[in-house]
Amino acid sequence: MDDEIVAAIQKRGGEKIDIKVNVFEVFCIIGNIELALRHPKNNGYSSEITKLICCRYIRELIKMCPELKEEKKVINMWSKSFGFKY
């Protein structure tokens, strides 16, 4: 990525973007990010930030769907992929 683009984005990094998505869409986004993080060259700073973001989204999903806590296979998968701890 062009250094100028990265600098421009970092300058505004603290600003929030409101995006409306439903619970299922968040679940799908997390799944796609999980696949993307499996790529051997996807291991830089942005992938670490993305893992933290996914953990935050997972916590929100569990708040909305507490039955997810009982899905040990899913929780273990998130733990392995993102370092998620519940």
Protein backbone atom coordinates (compact mmCIF):
# COMPACT_ATOMS: atom_id res chain seq x y z
CA MET A 1 0.00 0.00 0.00
CA ASP A 2 1.24 3.49 -0.83
CA ASP A 3 2.90 5.21 2.17
CA GLU A 4 0.92 8.40 1.54
CA ILE A 5 -2.36 6.51 1.74
CA VAL A 6 -1.31 4.79 4.96
CA ALA A 7 -0.25 8.12 6.48
CA ALA A 8 -3.59 9.73 5.54
CA ILE A 9 -5.54 6.86 7.08
CA GLN A 10 -3.41 6.85 10.23
CA LYS A 11 -3.95 10.59 10.65
CA ARG A 12 -7.70 9.95 10.91
CA GLY A 13 -7.34 6.63 12.72
CA GLY A 14 -9.19 7.70 15.86
CA GLU A 15 -12.34 8.74 14.03
CA LYS A 16 -15.29 6.35 14.15
CA ILE A 17 -17.34 5.06 11.23
CA ASP A 18 -20.89 3.95 11.96
CA ILE A 19 -21.76 0.89 9.91
CA LYS A 20 -25.05 -0.90 10.43
CA VAL A 21 -24.81 -4.68 10.15
CA ASN A 22 -26.95 -7.42 11.62
CA VAL A 23 -25.77 -10.27 13.82
CA PHE A 24 -25.58 -12.78 10.96
CA GLU A 25 -23.54 -10.36 8.84
CA VAL A 26 -21.03 -9.89 11.68
CA PHE A 27 -20.77 -13.67 12.03
CA CYS A 28 -20.07 -13.95 8.27
CA ILE A 29 -17.49 -11.15 8.37
CA ILE A 30 -15.66 -12.87 11.22
CA GLY A 31 -15.63 -16.13 9.23
CA ASN A 32 -14.18 -14.44 6.17
CA ILE A 33 -11.53 -12.67 8.22
CA GLU A 34 -10.64 -16.01 9.77
CA LEU A 35 -10.01 -17.42 6.30
CA ALA A 36 -7.98 -14.37 5.26
CA LEU A 37 -5.77 -14.67 8.35
CA ARG A 38 -4.82 -18.22 7.34
CA HIS A 39 -2.85 -16.86 4.41
CA PRO A 40 0.85 -17.26 5.27
CA LYS A 41 1.73 -13.73 4.15
CA ASN A 42 -1.07 -12.12 6.16
CA ASN A 43 0.99 -11.67 9.30
CA GLY A 44 1.74 -7.98 9.75
CA TYR A 45 0.59 -5.23 12.06
CA SER A 46 -2.81 -4.91 10.39
CA SER A 47 -3.53 -8.62 10.89
CA GLU A 48 -2.84 -8.25 14.63
CA ILE A 49 -5.20 -5.25 14.81
CA THR A 50 -7.80 -7.25 12.86
CA LYS A 51 -7.58 -10.09 15.39
CA LEU A 52 -8.27 -7.64 18.22
CA ILE A 53 -11.22 -6.19 16.32
CA CYS A 54 -12.63 -9.69 15.74
CA CYS A 55 -12.35 -10.45 19.46
CA ARG A 56 -14.33 -7.29 20.19
CA TYR A 57 -16.98 -8.30 17.64
CA ILE A 58 -17.14 -11.83 19.05
CA ARG A 59 -17.76 -10.46 22.55
CA GLU A 60 -20.62 -8.37 21.15
CA LEU A 61 -22.04 -11.41 19.35
CA ILE A 62 -21.97 -13.41 22.58
CA LYS A 63 -23.76 -10.59 24.40
CA MET A 64 -26.51 -10.70 21.80
CA CYS A 65 -26.54 -14.50 21.43
CA PRO A 66 -25.40 -15.95 24.78
CA GLU A 67 -26.07 -19.47 23.49
CA LEU A 68 -22.84 -19.10 21.48
CA LYS A 69 -20.94 -19.66 24.74
CA GLU A 70 -22.11 -23.27 24.62
CA GLU A 71 -20.75 -23.81 21.09
CA LYS A 72 -17.35 -25.11 22.20
CA LYS A 73 -16.23 -25.92 18.66
CA VAL A 74 -16.88 -22.33 17.53
CA ILE A 75 -15.30 -20.82 20.67
CA ASN A 76 -12.20 -23.04 20.21
CA MET A 77 -11.98 -22.03 16.54
CA TRP A 78 -12.13 -18.33 17.48
CA SER A 79 -9.56 -18.90 20.20
CA LYS A 80 -7.18 -20.53 17.73
CA SER A 81 -7.75 -17.98 14.95
CA PHE A 82 -7.92 -14.74 16.93
CA GLY A 83 -6.58 -15.54 20.39
CA PHE A 84 -10.13 -15.07 21.71
CA LYS A 85 -10.58 -15.81 25.39
CA TYR A 86 -13.92 -15.89 27.11
